[in-house]
Amino acid sequence: MNRRRLLVALVALASAWPVLARAEDQPIEVEVVDAMNKVFGVHPGFRTVHAKGMVVEGSFRGTPDGAALSRASLFDGSTIPVTVRFSDAGGVPTIPDGSADANPHGMASSICRTGPRRTW
């Protein structure tokens, strides 16, 4: 009889364990930021990753060569305003751009027509 009670208790605990474990977990976003802060340190006022970067604004005009490769409307030959952010990897805002620890470098852009912003 004791074996049966032990078995029932173990089955109940095993089925409840994932719920108990999840109740103590933090959201994944918090865990990722905490992990990055452990690697790079905390730098108030800066992003956790790609902390160093610059934003530039300009324009983009697609050429017929691009239109031959893609049906995307941004290759129709019109001039489109763009915003681009260049960044270094990591969460250290004082890292020199030429440092091996600044690799890989990133680039993100927003191209805006008359509608809402689209990011590629």
PDB file of N, CA and C in Angstrom:
ATOM      1  N   MET A   1       0.813  -1.189   0.000  1.00  0.00           N
ATOM      2  CA  MET A   1       0.000   0.000   0.000  1.00  0.00           C
ATOM      3  C   MET A   1       0.862   1.260   0.000  1.00  0.00           C
ATOM      4  N   ASN A   2       1.952   1.261   0.759  1.00  0.00           N
ATOM      5  CA  ASN A   2       2.833   2.422   0.808  1.00  0.00           C
ATOM      6  C   ASN A   2       3.481   2.677  -0.546  1.00  0.00           C
ATOM      7  N   ARG A   3       3.786   1.603  -1.275  1.00  0.00           N
ATOM      8  CA  ARG A   3       4.382   1.765  -2.608  1.00  0.00           C
ATOM      9  C   ARG A   3       3.413   2.477  -3.545  1.00  0.00           C
ATOM     10  N   ARG A   4       2.152   2.099  -3.438  1.00  0.00           N
ATOM     11  CA  ARG A   4       1.146   2.722  -4.302  1.00  0.00           C
ATOM     12  C   ARG A   4       1.009   4.210  -3.981  1.00  0.00           C
ATOM     13  N   ARG A   5       0.982   4.579  -2.726  1.00  0.00           N
ATOM     14  CA  ARG A   5       0.887   5.995  -2.334  1.00  0.00           C
ATOM     15  C   ARG A   5       2.121   6.764  -2.823  1.00  0.00           C
ATOM     16  N   LEU A   6       3.272   6.156  -2.697  1.00  0.00           N
ATOM     17  CA  LEU A   6       4.501   6.791  -3.158  1.00  0.00           C
ATOM     18  C   LEU A   6       4.449   7.012  -4.662  1.00  0.00           C
ATOM     19  N   LEU A   7       3.981   6.003  -5.398  1.00  0.00           N
ATOM     20  CA  LEU A   7       3.871   6.111  -6.845  1.00  0.00           C
ATOM     21  C   LEU A   7       2.886   7.221  -7.239  1.00  0.00           C
ATOM     22  N   VAL A   8       1.745   7.289  -6.577  1.00  0.00           N
ATOM     23  CA  VAL A   8       0.750   8.334  -6.857  1.00  0.00           C
ATOM     24  C   VAL A   8       1.332   9.713  -6.547  1.00  0.00           C
ATOM     25  N   ALA A   9       2.048   9.824  -5.444  1.00  0.00           N
ATOM     26  CA  ALA A   9       2.657  11.102  -5.071  1.00  0.00           C
ATOM     27  C   ALA A   9       3.702  11.525  -6.090  1.00  0.00           C
ATOM     28  N   LEU A  10       4.507  10.583  -6.575  1.00  0.00           N
ATOM     29  CA  LEU A  10       5.526  10.905  -7.575  1.00  0.00           C
ATOM     30  C   LEU A  10       4.897  11.328  -8.896  1.00  0.00           C
ATOM     31  N   VAL A  11       3.843  10.652  -9.311  1.00  0.00           N
ATOM     32  CA  VAL A  11       3.151  11.028 -10.553  1.00  0.00           C
ATOM     33  C   VAL A  11       2.545  12.424 -10.408  1.00  0.00           C
ATOM     34  N   ALA A  12       1.939  12.719  -9.278  1.00  0.00           N
ATOM     35  CA  ALA A  12       1.348  14.040  -9.055  1.00  0.00           C
ATOM     36  C   ALA A  12       2.419  15.120  -9.066  1.00  0.00           C
ATOM     37  N   LEU A  13       3.541  14.861  -8.420  1.00  0.00           N
ATOM     38  CA  LEU A  13       4.635  15.826  -8.390  1.00  0.00           C
ATOM     39  C   LEU A  13       5.216  16.033  -9.787  1.00  0.00           C
ATOM     40  N   ALA A  14       5.391  14.953 -10.520  1.00  0.00           N
ATOM     41  CA  ALA A  14       5.950  15.056 -11.876  1.00  0.00           C
ATOM     42  C   ALA A  14       5.036  15.858 -12.794  1.00  0.00           C
ATOM     43  N   SER A  15       3.737  15.685 -12.656  1.00  0.00           N
ATOM     44  CA  SER A  15       2.821  16.434 -13.523  1.00  0.00           C
ATOM     45  C   SER A  15       2.719  17.902 -13.101  1.00  0.00           C
ATOM     46  N   ALA A  16       2.939  18.209 -11.846  1.00  0.00           N
ATOM     47  CA  ALA A  16       2.861  19.592 -11.371  1.00  0.00           C
ATOM     48  C   ALA A  16       4.190  20.321 -11.514  1.00  0.00           C
ATOM     49  N   TRP A  17       5.283  19.612 -11.655  1.00  0.00           N
ATOM     50  CA  TRP A  17       6.618  20.219 -11.681  1.00  0.00           C
ATOM     51  C   TRP A  17       6.783  21.311 -12.734  1.00  0.00           C
ATOM     52  N   PRO A  18       6.376  21.105 -14.010  1.00  0.00           N
ATOM     53  CA  PRO A  18       6.551  22.191 -14.992  1.00  0.00           C
ATOM     54  C   PRO A  18       5.816  23.464 -14.601  1.00  0.00           C
ATOM     55  N   VAL A  19       4.651  23.351 -14.017  1.00  0.00           N
ATOM     56  CA  VAL A  19       3.889  24.533 -13.600  1.00  0.00           C
ATOM     57  C   VAL A  19       4.611  25.242 -12.466  1.00  0.00           C
ATOM     58  N   LEU A  20       5.138  24.490 -11.518  1.00  0.00           N
ATOM     59  CA  LEU A  20       5.871  25.085 -10.408  1.00  0.00           C
ATOM     60  C   LEU A  20       7.138  25.771 -10.900  1.00  0.00           C
ATOM     61  N   ALA A  21       7.852  25.126 -11.815  1.00  0.00           N
ATOM     62  CA  ALA A  21       9.094  25.700 -12.333  1.00  0.00           C
ATOM     63  C   ALA A  21       8.821  26.979 -13.120  1.00  0.00           C
ATOM     64  N   ARG A  22       7.766  27.014 -13.917  1.00  0.00           N
ATOM     65  CA  ARG A  22       7.450  28.199 -14.718  1.00  0.00           C
ATOM     66  C   ARG A  22       7.027  29.377 -13.862  1.00  0.00           C
ATOM     67  N   ALA A  23       6.412  29.108 -12.738  1.00  0.00           N
ATOM     68  CA  ALA A  23       5.945  30.190 -11.867  1.00  0.00           C
ATOM     69  C   ALA A  23       7.109  31.021 -11.348  1.00  0.00           C
ATOM     70  N   GLU A  24       8.284  30.412 -11.206  1.00  0.00           N
ATOM     71  CA  GLU A  24       9.447  31.124 -10.680  1.00  0.00           C
ATOM     72  C   GLU A  24      10.287  31.764 -11.785  1.00  0.00           C
ATOM     73  N   ASP A  25      10.125  31.348 -13.041  1.00  0.00           N
ATOM     74  CA  ASP A  25      10.912  31.891 -14.149  1.00  0.00           C
ATOM     75  C   ASP A  25      10.518  33.328 -14.438  1.00  0.00           C
ATOM     76  N   GLN A  26      11.532  34.107 -14.875  1.00  0.00           N
ATOM     77  CA  GLN A  26      11.261  35.465 -15.328  1.00  0.00           C
ATOM     78  C   GLN A  26      10.925  35.406 -16.814  1.00  0.00           C
ATOM     79  N   PRO A  27      10.314  36.452 -17.356  1.00  0.00           N
ATOM     80  CA  PRO A  27      10.068  36.477 -18.801  1.00  0.00           C
ATOM     81  C   PRO A  27      11.395  36.352 -19.550  1.00  0.00           C
ATOM     82  N   ILE A  28      11.358  35.726 -20.710  1.00  0.00           N
ATOM     83  CA  ILE A  28      12.577  35.473 -21.480  1.00  0.00           C
ATOM     84  C   ILE A  28      13.309  36.767 -21.821  1.00  0.00           C
ATOM     85  N   GLU A  29      12.556  37.852 -22.038  1.00  0.00           N
ATOM     86  CA  GLU A  29      13.193  39.138 -22.363  1.00  0.00           C
ATOM     87  C   GLU A  29      14.072  39.608 -21.216  1.00  0.00           C
ATOM     88  N   VAL A  30      13.601  39.444 -19.999  1.00  0.00           N
ATOM     89  CA  VAL A  30      14.363  39.853 -18.810  1.00  0.00           C
ATOM     90  C   VAL A  30      15.588  38.969 -18.669  1.00  0.00           C
ATOM     91  N   GLU A  31      15.435  37.666 -18.906  1.00  0.00           N
ATOM     92  CA  GLU A  31      16.568  36.747 -18.795  1.00  0.00           C
ATOM     93  C   GLU A  31      17.654  37.077 -19.817  1.00  0.00           C
ATOM     94  N   VAL A  32      17.255  37.425 -21.048  1.00  0.00           N
ATOM     95  CA  VAL A  32      18.233  37.756 -22.091  1.00  0.00           C
ATOM     96  C   VAL A  32      18.988  39.029 -21.730  1.00  0.00           C
ATOM     97  N   VAL A  33      18.272  40.069 -21.309  1.00  0.00           N
ATOM     98  CA  VAL A  33      18.931  41.333 -20.942  1.00  0.00           C
ATOM     99  C   VAL A  33      19.848  41.110 -19.744  1.00  0.00           C
ATOM    100  N   ASP A  34      19.421  40.355 -18.756  1.00  0.00           N
ATOM    101  CA  ASP A  34      20.273  40.062 -17.597  1.00  0.00           C
ATOM    102  C   ASP A  34      21.534  39.329 -18.016  1.00  0.00           C
ATOM    103  N   ALA A  35      21.405  38.370 -18.949  1.00  0.00           N
ATOM    104  CA  ALA A  35      22.575  37.625 -19.429  1.00  0.00           C
ATOM    105  C   ALA A  35      23.535  38.544 -20.171  1.00  0.00           C
ATOM    106  N   MET A  36      23.005  39.439 -21.008  1.00  0.00           N
ATOM    107  CA  MET A  36      23.871  40.374 -21.737  1.00  0.00           C
ATOM    108  C   MET A  36      24.573  41.332 -20.780  1.00  0.00           C
ATOM    109  N   ASN A  37      23.857  41.778 -19.741  1.00  0.00           N
ATOM    110  CA  ASN A  37      24.469  42.667 -18.761  1.00  0.00           C
ATOM    111  C   ASN A  37      25.588  41.958 -17.998  1.00  0.00           C
ATOM    112  N   LYS A  38      25.471  40.662 -17.788  1.00  0.00           N
ATOM    113  CA  LYS A  38      26.548  39.910 -17.137  1.00  0.00           C
ATOM    114  C   LYS A  38      27.776  39.843 -18.037  1.00  0.00           C
ATOM    115  N   VAL A  39      27.565  39.764 -19.341  1.00  0.00           N
ATOM    116  CA  VAL A  39      28.681  39.681 -20.284  1.00  0.00           C
ATOM    117  C   VAL A  39      29.342  41.042 -20.479  1.00  0.00           C
ATOM    118  N   PHE A  40      28.550  42.078 -20.742  1.00  0.00           N
ATOM    119  CA  PHE A  40      29.086  43.383 -21.128  1.00  0.00           C
ATOM    120  C   PHE A  40      29.098  44.413 -20.009  1.00  0.00           C
ATOM    121  N   GLY A  41      28.446  44.126 -18.887  1.00  0.00           N
ATOM    122  CA  GLY A  41      28.304  45.108 -17.823  1.00  0.00           C
ATOM    123  C   GLY A  41      27.086  45.973 -18.080  1.00  0.00           C
ATOM    124  N   VAL A  42      26.714  46.743 -17.081  1.00  0.00           N
ATOM    125  CA  VAL A  42      25.552  47.627 -17.195  1.00  0.00           C
ATOM    126  C   VAL A  42      26.048  49.023 -17.555  1.00  0.00           C
ATOM    127  N   HIS A  43      25.487  49.604 -18.598  1.00  0.00           N
ATOM    128  CA  HIS A  43      25.854  50.945 -19.053  1.00  0.00           C
ATOM    129  C   HIS A  43      24.575  51.768 -19.165  1.00  0.00           C
ATOM    130  N   PRO A  44      24.168  52.441 -18.072  1.00  0.00           N
ATOM    131  CA  PRO A  44      22.911  53.198 -18.088  1.00  0.00           C
ATOM    132  C   PRO A  44      22.861  54.192 -19.244  1.00  0.00           C
ATOM    133  N   GLY A  45      21.714  54.250 -19.880  1.00  0.00           N
ATOM    134  CA  GLY A  45      21.520  55.170 -20.998  1.00  0.00           C
ATOM    135  C   GLY A  45      21.896  54.588 -22.342  1.00  0.00           C
ATOM    136  N   PHE A  46      22.404  53.349 -22.369  1.00  0.00           N
ATOM    137  CA  PHE A  46      22.797  52.708 -23.612  1.00  0.00           C
ATOM    138  C   PHE A  46      22.039  51.404 -23.793  1.00  0.00           C
ATOM    139  N   ARG A  47      21.925  50.972 -25.033  1.00  0.00           N
ATOM    140  CA  ARG A  47      21.284  49.691 -25.335  1.00  0.00           C
ATOM    141  C   ARG A  47      22.112  48.554 -24.741  1.00  0.00           C
ATOM    142  N   THR A  48      21.447  47.437 -24.479  1.00  0.00           N
ATOM    143  CA  THR A  48      22.137  46.283 -23.903  1.00  0.00           C
ATOM    144  C   THR A  48      23.088  45.651 -24.905  1.00  0.00           C
ATOM    145  N   VAL A  49      22.695  45.590 -26.163  1.00  0.00           N
ATOM    146  CA  VAL A  49      23.529  45.049 -27.235  1.00  0.00           C
ATOM    147  C   VAL A  49      23.581  46.102 -28.336  1.00  0.00           C
ATOM    148  N   HIS A  50      24.650  46.127 -29.101  1.00  0.00           N
ATOM    149  CA  HIS A  50      24.860  47.146 -30.138  1.00  0.00           C
ATOM    150  C   HIS A  50      24.751  48.534 -29.509  1.00  0.00           C
ATOM    151  N   ALA A  51      25.427  48.704 -28.358  1.00  0.00           N
ATOM    152  CA  ALA A  51      25.331  49.946 -27.591  1.00  0.00           C
ATOM    153  C   ALA A  51      25.939  51.128 -28.333  1.00  0.00           C
ATOM    154  N   LYS A  52      26.956  50.874 -29.140  1.00  0.00           N
ATOM    155  CA  LYS A  52      27.601  51.969 -29.859  1.00  0.00           C
ATOM    156  C   LYS A  52      27.142  51.959 -31.308  1.00  0.00           C
ATOM    157  N   GLY A  53      26.700  53.109 -31.766  1.00  0.00           N
ATOM    158  CA  GLY A  53      26.261  53.193 -33.151  1.00  0.00           C
ATOM    159  C   GLY A  53      25.979  54.621 -33.541  1.00  0.00           C
ATOM    160  N   MET A  54      25.626  54.797 -34.791  1.00  0.00           N
ATOM    161  CA  MET A  54      25.259  56.112 -35.289  1.00  0.00           C
ATOM    162  C   MET A  54      24.098  55.970 -36.251  1.00  0.00           C
ATOM    163  N   VAL A  55      23.281  57.001 -36.295  1.00  0.00           N
ATOM    164  CA  VAL A  55      22.127  57.026 -37.182  1.00  0.00           C
ATOM    165  C   VAL A  55      22.370  58.082 -38.237  1.00  0.00           C
ATOM    166  N   VAL A  56      22.114  57.725 -39.483  1.00  0.00           N
ATOM    167  CA  VAL A  56      22.236  58.675 -40.586  1.00  0.00           C
ATOM    168  C   VAL A  56      20.934  58.674 -41.379  1.00  0.00           C
ATOM    169  N   GLU A  57      20.663  59.797 -42.020  1.00  0.00           N
ATOM    170  CA  GLU A  57      19.487  59.897 -42.873  1.00  0.00           C
ATOM    171  C   GLU A  57      19.937  60.244 -44.273  1.00  0.00           C
ATOM    172  N   GLY A  58      19.201  59.764 -45.224  1.00  0.00           N
ATOM    173  CA  GLY A  58      19.532  60.042 -46.614  1.00  0.00           C
ATOM    174  C   GLY A  58      18.389  59.627 -47.507  1.00  0.00           C
ATOM    175  N   SER A  59      18.737  59.280 -48.732  1.00  0.00           N
ATOM    176  CA  SER A  59      17.704  58.843 -49.665  1.00  0.00           C
ATOM    177  C   SER A  59      18.212  57.637 -50.450  1.00  0.00           C
ATOM    178  N   PHE A  60      17.276  56.873 -50.983  1.00  0.00           N
ATOM    179  CA  PHE A  60      17.574  55.684 -51.774  1.00  0.00           C
ATOM    180  C   PHE A  60      16.801  55.785 -53.078  1.00  0.00           C
ATOM    181  N   ARG A  61      17.483  55.457 -54.165  1.00  0.00           N
ATOM    182  CA  ARG A  61      16.799  55.390 -55.459  1.00  0.00           C
ATOM    183  C   ARG A  61      17.190  54.087 -56.124  1.00  0.00           C
ATOM    184  N   GLY A  62      16.203  53.247 -56.329  1.00  0.00           N
ATOM    185  CA  GLY A  62      16.440  51.968 -56.986  1.00  0.00           C
ATOM    186  C   GLY A  62      16.779  52.154 -58.449  1.00  0.00           C
ATOM    187  N   THR A  63      17.568  51.252 -58.993  1.00  0.00           N
ATOM    188  CA  THR A  63      17.959  51.315 -60.405  1.00  0.00           C
ATOM    189  C   THR A  63      17.289  50.177 -61.171  1.00  0.00           C
ATOM    190  N   PRO A  64      17.303  50.249 -62.478  1.00  0.00           N
ATOM    191  CA  PRO A  64      16.758  49.152 -63.268  1.00  0.00           C
ATOM    192  C   PRO A  64      17.470  47.814 -62.988  1.00  0.00           C
ATOM    193  N   ASP A  65      18.750  47.887 -62.599  1.00  0.00           N
ATOM    194  CA  ASP A  65      19.461  46.641 -62.258  1.00  0.00           C
ATOM    195  C   ASP A  65      18.788  45.956 -61.075  1.00  0.00           C
ATOM    196  N   GLY A  66      18.378  46.730 -60.080  1.00  0.00           N
ATOM    197  CA  GLY A  66      17.673  46.167 -58.928  1.00  0.00           C
ATOM    198  C   GLY A  66      16.313  45.632 -59.324  1.00  0.00           C
ATOM    199  N   ALA A  67      15.640  46.352 -60.213  1.00  0.00           N
ATOM    200  CA  ALA A  67      14.313  45.914 -60.651  1.00  0.00           C
ATOM    201  C   ALA A  67      14.394  44.588 -61.400  1.00  0.00           C
ATOM    202  N   ALA A  68      15.527  44.302 -62.018  1.00  0.00           N
ATOM    203  CA  ALA A  68      15.698  43.017 -62.705  1.00  0.00           C
ATOM    204  C   ALA A  68      15.819  41.867 -61.714  1.00  0.00           C
ATOM    205  N   LEU A  69      16.219  42.179 -60.471  1.00  0.00           N
ATOM    206  CA  LEU A  69      16.395  41.141 -59.456  1.00  0.00           C
ATOM    207  C   LEU A  69      15.210  41.009 -58.514  1.00  0.00           C
ATOM    208  N   SER A  70      14.398  42.069 -58.409  1.00  0.00           N
ATOM    209  CA  SER A  70      13.318  42.070 -57.420  1.00  0.00           C
ATOM    210  C   SER A  70      12.105  42.822 -57.943  1.00  0.00           C
ATOM    211  N   ARG A  71      10.926  42.358 -57.547  1.00  0.00           N
ATOM    212  CA  ARG A  71       9.691  43.050 -57.907  1.00  0.00           C
ATOM    213  C   ARG A  71       9.307  44.075 -56.847  1.00  0.00           C
ATOM    214  N   ALA A  72      10.117  44.251 -55.812  1.00  0.00           N
ATOM    215  CA  ALA A  72       9.805  45.188 -54.730  1.00  0.00           C
ATOM    216  C   ALA A  72       9.635  46.589 -55.295  1.00  0.00           C
ATOM    217  N   SER A  73       8.630  47.300 -54.768  1.00  0.00           N
ATOM    218  CA  SER A  73       8.303  48.622 -55.294  1.00  0.00           C
ATOM    219  C   SER A  73       9.396  49.656 -55.053  1.00  0.00           C
ATOM    220  N   LEU A  74      10.328  49.375 -54.146  1.00  0.00           N
ATOM    221  CA  LEU A  74      11.373  50.365 -53.902  1.00  0.00           C
ATOM    222  C   LEU A  74      12.366  50.448 -55.049  1.00  0.00           C
ATOM    223  N   PHE A  75      12.262  49.548 -56.036  1.00  0.00           N
ATOM    224  CA  PHE A  75      13.133  49.616 -57.216  1.00  0.00           C
ATOM    225  C   PHE A  75      12.436  50.252 -58.409  1.00  0.00           C
ATOM    226  N   ASP A  76      11.379  51.047 -58.168  1.00  0.00           N
ATOM    227  CA  ASP A  76      10.655  51.651 -59.285  1.00  0.00           C
ATOM    228  C   ASP A  76      11.311  52.926 -59.805  1.00  0.00           C
ATOM    229  N   GLY A  77      12.453  53.309 -59.257  1.00  0.00           N
ATOM    230  CA  GLY A  77      13.182  54.480 -59.741  1.00  0.00           C
ATOM    231  C   GLY A  77      12.908  55.756 -58.972  1.00  0.00           C
ATOM    232  N   SER A  78      11.923  55.734 -58.064  1.00  0.00           N
ATOM    233  CA  SER A  78      11.642  56.937 -57.279  1.00  0.00           C
ATOM    234  C   SER A  78      12.649  57.066 -56.133  1.00  0.00           C
ATOM    235  N   THR A  79      12.791  58.285 -55.621  1.00  0.00           N
ATOM    236  CA  THR A  79      13.686  58.549 -54.495  1.00  0.00           C
ATOM    237  C   THR A  79      12.898  58.388 -53.202  1.00  0.00           C
ATOM    238  N   ILE A  80      13.447  57.605 -52.283  1.00  0.00           N
ATOM    239  CA  ILE A  80      12.763  57.268 -51.033  1.00  0.00           C
ATOM    240  C   ILE A  80      13.641  57.709 -49.861  1.00  0.00           C
ATOM    241  N   PRO A  81      13.092  58.434 -48.870  1.00  0.00           N
ATOM    242  CA  PRO A  81      13.882  58.794 -47.686  1.00  0.00           C
ATOM    243  C   PRO A  81      14.202  57.545 -46.861  1.00  0.00           C
ATOM    244  N   VAL A  82      15.433  57.476 -46.336  1.00  0.00           N
ATOM    245  CA  VAL A  82      15.838  56.329 -45.517  1.00  0.00           C
ATOM    246  C   VAL A  82      16.516  56.814 -44.246  1.00  0.00           C
ATOM    247  N   THR A  83      16.422  56.006 -43.216  1.00  0.00           N
ATOM    248  CA  THR A  83      17.155  56.196 -41.975  1.00  0.00           C
ATOM    249  C   THR A  83      17.923  54.907 -41.742  1.00  0.00           C
ATOM    250  N   VAL A  84      19.234  55.014 -41.500  1.00  0.00           N
ATOM    251  CA  VAL A  84      20.086  53.835 -41.328  1.00  0.00           C
ATOM    252  C   VAL A  84      20.831  53.956 -40.016  1.00  0.00           C
ATOM    253  N   ARG A  85      20.932  52.850 -39.283  1.00  0.00           N
ATOM    254  CA  ARG A  85      21.725  52.809 -38.055  1.00  0.00           C
ATOM    255  C   ARG A  85      22.860  51.811 -38.253  1.00  0.00           C
ATOM    256  N   PHE A  86      24.085  52.297 -38.106  1.00  0.00           N
ATOM    257  CA  PHE A  86      25.270  51.452 -38.124  1.00  0.00           C
ATOM    258  C   PHE A  86      25.670  51.213 -36.676  1.00  0.00           C
ATOM    259  N   SER A  87      26.100  49.993 -36.348  1.00  0.00           N
ATOM    260  CA  SER A  87      26.439  49.712 -34.958  1.00  0.00           C
ATOM    261  C   SER A  87      27.571  48.699 -34.853  1.00  0.00           C
ATOM    262  N   ASP A  88      28.192  48.702 -33.672  1.00  0.00           N
ATOM    263  CA  ASP A  88      29.177  47.684 -33.319  1.00  0.00           C
ATOM    264  C   ASP A  88      28.459  46.636 -32.478  1.00  0.00           C
ATOM    265  N   ALA A  89      28.951  45.420 -32.520  1.00  0.00           N
ATOM    266  CA  ALA A  89      28.361  44.369 -31.687  1.00  0.00           C
ATOM    267  C   ALA A  89      28.695  44.632 -30.223  1.00  0.00           C
ATOM    268  N   GLY A  90      28.006  43.952 -29.357  1.00  0.00           N
ATOM    269  CA  GLY A  90      28.309  44.054 -27.937  1.00  0.00           C
ATOM    270  C   GLY A  90      27.593  45.188 -27.252  1.00  0.00           C
ATOM    271  N   GLY A  91      27.769  45.227 -25.950  1.00  0.00           N
ATOM    272  CA  GLY A  91      27.079  46.214 -25.145  1.00  0.00           C
ATOM    273  C   GLY A  91      27.992  47.222 -24.503  1.00  0.00           C
ATOM    274  N   VAL A  92      29.196  47.406 -25.049  1.00  0.00           N
ATOM    275  CA  VAL A  92      30.161  48.344 -24.477  1.00  0.00           C
ATOM    276  C   VAL A  92      30.194  49.591 -25.363  1.00  0.00           C
ATOM    277  N   PRO A  93      29.666  50.713 -24.888  1.00  0.00           N
ATOM    278  CA  PRO A  93      29.578  51.901 -25.739  1.00  0.00           C
ATOM    279  C   PRO A  93      30.905  52.597 -26.005  1.00  0.00           C
ATOM    280  N   THR A  94      31.951  52.248 -25.292  1.00  0.00           N
ATOM    281  CA  THR A  94      33.245  52.914 -25.472  1.00  0.00           C
ATOM    282  C   THR A  94      34.219  52.108 -26.321  1.00  0.00           C
ATOM    283  N   ILE A  95      33.783  51.002 -26.902  1.00  0.00           N
ATOM    284  CA  ILE A  95      34.682  50.144 -27.672  1.00  0.00           C
ATOM    285  C   ILE A  95      35.109  50.838 -28.969  1.00  0.00           C
ATOM    286  N   PRO A  96      36.379  50.766 -29.341  1.00  0.00           N
ATOM    287  CA  PRO A  96      36.800  51.365 -30.617  1.00  0.00           C
ATOM    288  C   PRO A  96      36.191  50.592 -31.800  1.00  0.00           C
ATOM    289  N   ASP A  97      35.815  51.311 -32.843  1.00  0.00           N
ATOM    290  CA  ASP A  97      35.196  50.666 -34.003  1.00  0.00           C
ATOM    291  C   ASP A  97      36.107  49.610 -34.633  1.00  0.00           C
ATOM    292  N   GLY A  98      37.422  49.828 -34.580  1.00  0.00           N
ATOM    293  CA  GLY A  98      38.363  48.905 -35.211  1.00  0.00           C
ATOM    294  C   GLY A  98      38.723  47.698 -34.361  1.00  0.00           C
ATOM    295  N   SER A  99      38.211  47.620 -33.145  1.00  0.00           N
ATOM    296  CA  SER A  99      38.517  46.501 -32.256  1.00  0.00           C
ATOM    297  C   SER A  99      37.883  45.213 -32.773  1.00  0.00           C
ATOM    298  N   ALA A 100      38.608  44.106 -32.612  1.00  0.00           N
ATOM    299  CA  ALA A 100      38.051  42.804 -32.985  1.00  0.00           C
ATOM    300  C   ALA A 100      36.802  42.495 -32.158  1.00  0.00           C
ATOM    301  N   ASP A 101      36.725  43.036 -30.944  1.00  0.00           N
ATOM    302  CA  ASP A 101      35.558  42.813 -30.090  1.00  0.00           C
ATOM    303  C   ASP A 101      34.330  43.598 -30.562  1.00  0.00           C
ATOM    304  N   ALA A 102      34.505  44.503 -31.521  1.00  0.00           N
ATOM    305  CA  ALA A 102      33.382  45.275 -32.052  1.00  0.00           C
ATOM    306  C   ALA A 102      32.689  44.535 -33.192  1.00  0.00           C
ATOM    307  N   ASN A 103      33.220  43.409 -33.597  1.00  0.00           N
ATOM    308  CA  ASN A 103      32.636  42.627 -34.690  1.00  0.00           C
ATOM    309  C   ASN A 103      31.608  41.649 -34.160  1.00  0.00           C
ATOM    310  N   PRO A 104      30.607  41.303 -34.933  1.00  0.00           N
ATOM    311  CA  PRO A 104      30.312  41.839 -36.260  1.00  0.00           C
ATOM    312  C   PRO A 104      29.641  43.201 -36.155  1.00  0.00           C
ATOM    313  N   HIS A 105      29.791  43.985 -37.182  1.00  0.00           N
ATOM    314  CA  HIS A 105      29.145  45.289 -37.251  1.00  0.00           C
ATOM    315  C   HIS A 105      27.733  45.098 -37.809  1.00  0.00           C
ATOM    316  N   GLY A 106      26.835  45.984 -37.416  1.00  0.00           N
ATOM    317  CA  GLY A 106      25.453  45.852 -37.860  1.00  0.00           C
ATOM    318  C   GLY A 106      24.992  47.046 -38.663  1.00  0.00           C
ATOM    319  N   MET A 107      23.951  46.811 -39.453  1.00  0.00           N
ATOM    320  CA  MET A 107      23.318  47.879 -40.200  1.00  0.00           C
ATOM    321  C   MET A 107      21.826  47.572 -40.265  1.00  0.00           C
ATOM    322  N   ALA A 108      21.015  48.530 -39.864  1.00  0.00           N
ATOM    323  CA  ALA A 108      19.561  48.391 -39.947  1.00  0.00           C
ATOM    324  C   ALA A 108      19.022  49.633 -40.627  1.00  0.00           C
ATOM    325  N   SER A 109      18.016  49.460 -41.464  1.00  0.00           N
ATOM    326  CA  SER A 109      17.499  50.624 -42.180  1.00  0.00           C
ATOM    327  C   SER A 109      15.981  50.644 -42.153  1.00  0.00           C
ATOM    328  N   SER A 110      15.462  51.843 -42.256  1.00  0.00           N
ATOM    329  CA  SER A 110      14.031  52.061 -42.428  1.00  0.00           C
ATOM    330  C   SER A 110      13.853  52.846 -43.705  1.00  0.00           C
ATOM    331  N   ILE A 111      12.982  52.358 -44.535  1.00  0.00           N
ATOM    332  CA  ILE A 111      12.666  53.050 -45.778  1.00  0.00           C
ATOM    333  C   ILE A 111      11.214  53.480 -45.671  1.00  0.00           C
ATOM    334  N   CYS A 112      10.970  54.757 -45.882  1.00  0.00           N
ATOM    335  CA  CYS A 112       9.620  55.288 -45.666  1.00  0.00           C
ATOM    336  C   CYS A 112       9.074  55.881 -46.948  1.00  0.00           C
ATOM    337  N   ARG A 113       7.958  55.358 -47.386  1.00  0.00           N
ATOM    338  CA  ARG A 113       7.215  55.988 -48.479  1.00  0.00           C
ATOM    339  C   ARG A 113       6.152  56.864 -47.833  1.00  0.00           C
ATOM    340  N   THR A 114       5.064  57.078 -48.473  1.00  0.00           N
ATOM    341  CA  THR A 114       4.022  57.927 -47.903  1.00  0.00           C
ATOM    342  C   THR A 114       3.252  57.219 -46.799  1.00  0.00           C
ATOM    343  N   GLY A 115       3.359  55.902 -46.700  1.00  0.00           N
ATOM    344  CA  GLY A 115       2.644  55.135 -45.682  1.00  0.00           C
ATOM    345  C   GLY A 115       3.489  54.945 -44.432  1.00  0.00           C
ATOM    346  N   PRO A 116       3.133  53.938 -43.643  1.00  0.00           N
ATOM    347  CA  PRO A 116       3.879  53.669 -42.412  1.00  0.00           C
ATOM    348  C   PRO A 116       5.298  53.203 -42.705  1.00  0.00           C
ATOM    349  N   ARG A 117       6.171  53.352 -41.707  1.00  0.00           N
ATOM    350  CA  ARG A 117       7.565  52.942 -41.867  1.00  0.00           C
ATOM    351  C   ARG A 117       7.652  51.433 -41.999  1.00  0.00           C
ATOM    352  N   ARG A 118       8.557  50.992 -42.852  1.00  0.00           N
ATOM    353  CA  ARG A 118       8.839  49.568 -43.000  1.00  0.00           C
ATOM    354  C   ARG A 118      10.313  49.369 -42.713  1.00  0.00           C
ATOM    355  N   THR A 119      10.651  48.351 -41.953  1.00  0.00           N
ATOM    356  CA  THR A 119      12.051  48.080 -41.626  1.00  0.00           C
ATOM    357  C   THR A 119      12.475  46.774 -42.258  1.00  0.00           C
ATOM    358  N   TRP A 120      13.616  46.800 -42.901  1.00  0.00           N
ATOM    359  CA  TRP A 120      14.193  45.585 -43.469  1.00  0.00           C
ATOM    360  C   TRP A 120      15.453  45.257 -42.762  1.00  0.00           C
TER     361      TRP A 120
END
